[in-house]
Structure formats: structure tokens, C-alpha cells
Amino acid sequence: MRLDALDIDVSCALSFSRATLCALAAMSREARDAIDRCLGDEAAIVRIEDLDGSAAVAATLNEARHQIRSVRDDLSAGATRDLERVLVESAADLRSARAPAAGLD
């Protein structure tokens, strides 16, 4: 049961990481290029380490590189607007949470 729970946790973390990378990649070509370079570097390190599972990890990193490369430029504007909206809404929520409650003196 513990291994199943660990598998679920790892899968969830990987899903969040992929979603984050895709969102960042959609922001600009420079972001995509930087992410691609970093993933390539990590895949090279994993291959050098040659540990159990290294081939699977390298394959996963290279698949992520493929996904990042396939993000289209026309997604950039929408993703940037969505990210900006979420950040503004989050900032507004923080401000309202810190504001003293009116009439509770």
C-alpha cells in the first residue's frame, strides 16, 4: 500500500512539474529554449550516472523536451494573460486577507 501511495505522490508531482514547464514554455521562445537546454543537460547527467532506471529517466526528460518544443508561439499571449490574471487575483486575495475586518472593534 505504501508503494502505491508513493507512486501516486510521484505521479502527481510529475504532472504538476509538466504543467508548470508547459505554462512557462508558452510564455516565450526564450523560455522554451532555456527549458529545453536545462532538460537536455539533466538527461545528459542521468545518462552519465548510469544508475538503475537512468534510461527511463532520460527518456522521460527527452519526452518533456519534445513536448516543450511543440508548444506553439500563438499560445504565448494567452498563457501570459492567464498567468498575469492568476497573479493579480492572488495578490488581491492576499490584500483582502490582511485588511482588518470592518466593524470588529
C-alpha atoms as a PDB file:
ATOM      1  CA  MET A   1       0.000   0.000   0.000  1.00  0.00           C
ATOM      2  CA  ARG A   2       2.847   2.388   0.794  1.00  0.00           C
ATOM      3  CA  LEU A   3       4.366   1.829  -2.647  1.00  0.00           C
ATOM      4  CA  ASP A   4       1.009   2.600  -4.265  1.00  0.00           C
ATOM      5  CA  ALA A   5       0.757   5.805  -2.247  1.00  0.00           C
ATOM      6  CA  LEU A   6       4.318   6.741  -3.181  1.00  0.00           C
ATOM      7  CA  ASP A   7       3.561   6.044  -6.846  1.00  0.00           C
ATOM      8  CA  ILE A   8       0.535   8.341  -6.659  1.00  0.00           C
ATOM      9  CA  ASP A   9       2.609  11.087  -4.996  1.00  0.00           C
ATOM     10  CA  VAL A  10       5.376  10.844  -7.592  1.00  0.00           C
ATOM     11  CA  SER A  11       2.894  10.803 -10.473  1.00  0.00           C
ATOM     12  CA  CYS A  12       1.143  13.860  -9.073  1.00  0.00           C
ATOM     13  CA  ALA A  13       4.438  15.737  -8.608  1.00  0.00           C
ATOM     14  CA  LEU A  14       5.492  14.896 -12.159  1.00  0.00           C
ATOM     15  CA  SER A  15       2.141  16.064 -13.524  1.00  0.00           C
ATOM     16  CA  PHE A  16       2.458  19.393 -11.717  1.00  0.00           C
ATOM     17  CA  SER A  17       6.020  19.771 -12.993  1.00  0.00           C
ATOM     18  CA  ARG A  18       4.981  19.073 -16.590  1.00  0.00           C
ATOM     19  CA  ALA A  19       2.107  21.536 -16.339  1.00  0.00           C
ATOM     20  CA  THR A  20       4.423  24.199 -14.916  1.00  0.00           C
ATOM     21  CA  LEU A  21       7.008  23.661 -17.640  1.00  0.00           C
ATOM     22  CA  CYS A  22       4.357  23.848 -20.353  1.00  0.00           C
ATOM     23  CA  ALA A  23       2.943  27.068 -18.903  1.00  0.00           C
ATOM     24  CA  LEU A  24       6.421  28.616 -18.720  1.00  0.00           C
ATOM     25  CA  ALA A  25       7.243  27.408 -22.221  1.00  0.00           C
ATOM     26  CA  ALA A  26       4.125  29.077 -23.567  1.00  0.00           C
ATOM     27  CA  MET A  27       5.300  32.455 -22.293  1.00  0.00           C
ATOM     28  CA  SER A  28       8.092  32.957 -24.827  1.00  0.00           C
ATOM     29  CA  ARG A  29      10.505  31.342 -27.245  1.00  0.00           C
ATOM     30  CA  GLU A  30      13.367  32.265 -24.895  1.00  0.00           C
ATOM     31  CA  ALA A  31      11.676  30.409 -22.038  1.00  0.00           C
ATOM     32  CA  ARG A  32      11.193  27.350 -24.261  1.00  0.00           C
ATOM     33  CA  ASP A  33      14.827  27.421 -25.326  1.00  0.00           C
ATOM     34  CA  ALA A  34      16.040  27.722 -21.729  1.00  0.00           C
ATOM     35  CA  ILE A  35      13.797  24.882 -20.557  1.00  0.00           C
ATOM     36  CA  ASP A  36      14.919  22.716 -23.484  1.00  0.00           C
ATOM     37  CA  ARG A  37      18.603  23.322 -22.645  1.00  0.00           C
ATOM     38  CA  CYS A  38      18.083  22.521 -18.965  1.00  0.00           C
ATOM     39  CA  LEU A  39      16.175  19.325 -19.708  1.00  0.00           C
ATOM     40  CA  GLY A  40      18.884  18.291 -22.178  1.00  0.00           C
ATOM     41  CA  ASP A  41      21.563  18.922 -19.565  1.00  0.00           C
ATOM     42  CA  GLU A  42      19.655  16.863 -16.999  1.00  0.00           C
ATOM     43  CA  ALA A  43      19.207  13.989 -19.474  1.00  0.00           C
ATOM     44  CA  ALA A  44      22.963  14.031 -20.158  1.00  0.00           C
ATOM     45  CA  ILE A  45      23.744  13.907 -16.428  1.00  0.00           C
ATOM     46  CA  VAL A  46      21.385  10.985 -15.932  1.00  0.00           C
ATOM     47  CA  ARG A  47      22.996   9.071 -18.801  1.00  0.00           C
ATOM     48  CA  ILE A  48      26.464   9.679 -17.305  1.00  0.00           C
ATOM     49  CA  GLU A  49      25.353   8.451 -13.867  1.00  0.00           C
ATOM     50  CA  ASP A  50      24.204   5.171 -15.441  1.00  0.00           C
ATOM     51  CA  LEU A  51      22.181   4.052 -12.423  1.00  0.00           C
ATOM     52  CA  ASP A  52      19.226   1.675 -12.380  1.00  0.00           C
ATOM     53  CA  GLY A  53      16.412   3.464 -14.132  1.00  0.00           C
ATOM     54  CA  SER A  54      18.708   6.016 -15.796  1.00  0.00           C
ATOM     55  CA  ALA A  55      17.452   5.116 -19.273  1.00  0.00           C
ATOM     56  CA  ALA A  56      13.838   5.566 -18.183  1.00  0.00           C
ATOM     57  CA  VAL A  57      14.594   8.918 -16.539  1.00  0.00           C
ATOM     58  CA  ALA A  58      16.498  10.116 -19.623  1.00  0.00           C
ATOM     59  CA  ALA A  59      13.584   9.029 -21.827  1.00  0.00           C
ATOM     60  CA  THR A  60      11.145  10.946 -19.615  1.00  0.00           C
ATOM     61  CA  LEU A  61      13.309  14.077 -19.792  1.00  0.00           C
ATOM     62  CA  ASN A  62      13.614  13.783 -23.559  1.00  0.00           C
ATOM     63  CA  GLU A  63       9.843  13.343 -23.893  1.00  0.00           C
ATOM     64  CA  ALA A  64       9.401  16.528 -21.861  1.00  0.00           C
ATOM     65  CA  ARG A  65      11.821  18.278 -24.246  1.00  0.00           C
ATOM     66  CA  HIS A  66       9.698  17.121 -27.165  1.00  0.00           C
ATOM     67  CA  GLN A  67       6.535  18.448 -25.520  1.00  0.00           C
ATOM     68  CA  ILE A  68       8.180  21.797 -24.750  1.00  0.00           C
ATOM     69  CA  ARG A  69       9.402  22.149 -28.333  1.00  0.00           C
ATOM     70  CA  SER A  70       5.879  21.534 -29.619  1.00  0.00           C
ATOM     71  CA  VAL A  71       4.365  24.456 -27.691  1.00  0.00           C
ATOM     72  CA  ARG A  72       3.262  26.945 -30.311  1.00  0.00           C
ATOM     73  CA  ASP A  73       4.069  30.647 -30.255  1.00  0.00           C
ATOM     74  CA  ASP A  74       0.393  31.577 -30.541  1.00  0.00           C
ATOM     75  CA  LEU A  75      -0.174  30.059 -27.103  1.00  0.00           C
ATOM     76  CA  SER A  76       2.237  32.570 -25.575  1.00  0.00           C
ATOM     77  CA  ALA A  77      -0.083  35.541 -25.444  1.00  0.00           C
ATOM     78  CA  GLY A  78      -2.977  33.597 -23.924  1.00  0.00           C
ATOM     79  CA  ALA A  79      -0.799  31.820 -21.398  1.00  0.00           C
ATOM     80  CA  THR A  80       0.839  35.084 -20.369  1.00  0.00           C
ATOM     81  CA  ARG A  81      -2.567  36.754 -19.897  1.00  0.00           C
ATOM     82  CA  ASP A  82      -3.829  33.781 -17.876  1.00  0.00           C
ATOM     83  CA  LEU A  83      -0.739  33.756 -15.660  1.00  0.00           C
ATOM     84  CA  GLU A  84      -0.950  37.514 -15.150  1.00  0.00           C
ATOM     85  CA  ARG A  85      -4.645  37.227 -14.227  1.00  0.00           C
ATOM     86  CA  VAL A  86      -3.924  34.488 -11.671  1.00  0.00           C
ATOM     87  CA  LEU A  87      -1.104  36.518 -10.119  1.00  0.00           C
ATOM     88  CA  VAL A  88      -3.264  39.664  -9.883  1.00  0.00           C
ATOM     89  CA  GLU A  89      -6.147  37.705  -8.358  1.00  0.00           C
ATOM     90  CA  SER A  90      -3.795  36.058  -5.865  1.00  0.00           C
ATOM     91  CA  ALA A  91      -2.353  39.431  -4.882  1.00  0.00           C
ATOM     92  CA  ALA A  92      -5.870  40.796  -4.389  1.00  0.00           C
ATOM     93  CA  ASP A  93      -6.745  37.815  -2.194  1.00  0.00           C
ATOM     94  CA  LEU A  94      -3.629  38.428  -0.090  1.00  0.00           C
ATOM     95  CA  ARG A  95      -4.508  42.106   0.332  1.00  0.00           C
ATOM     96  CA  SER A  96      -8.062  41.311   1.402  1.00  0.00           C
ATOM     97  CA  ALA A  97      -6.839  38.675   3.858  1.00  0.00           C
ATOM     98  CA  ARG A  98      -4.513  41.200   5.515  1.00  0.00           C
ATOM     99  CA  ALA A  99      -7.097  44.003   5.668  1.00  0.00           C
ATOM    100  CA  PRO A 100      -8.613  44.401   9.139  1.00  0.00           C
ATOM    101  CA  ALA A 101     -12.221  43.298   9.378  1.00  0.00           C
ATOM    102  CA  ALA A 102     -14.508  46.339   9.343  1.00  0.00           C
ATOM    103  CA  GLY A 103     -16.660  46.915  12.408  1.00  0.00           C
ATOM    104  CA  LEU A 104     -14.966  44.323  14.646  1.00  0.00           C
ATOM    105  CA  ASP A 105     -13.505  46.812  17.124  1.00  0.00           C
END
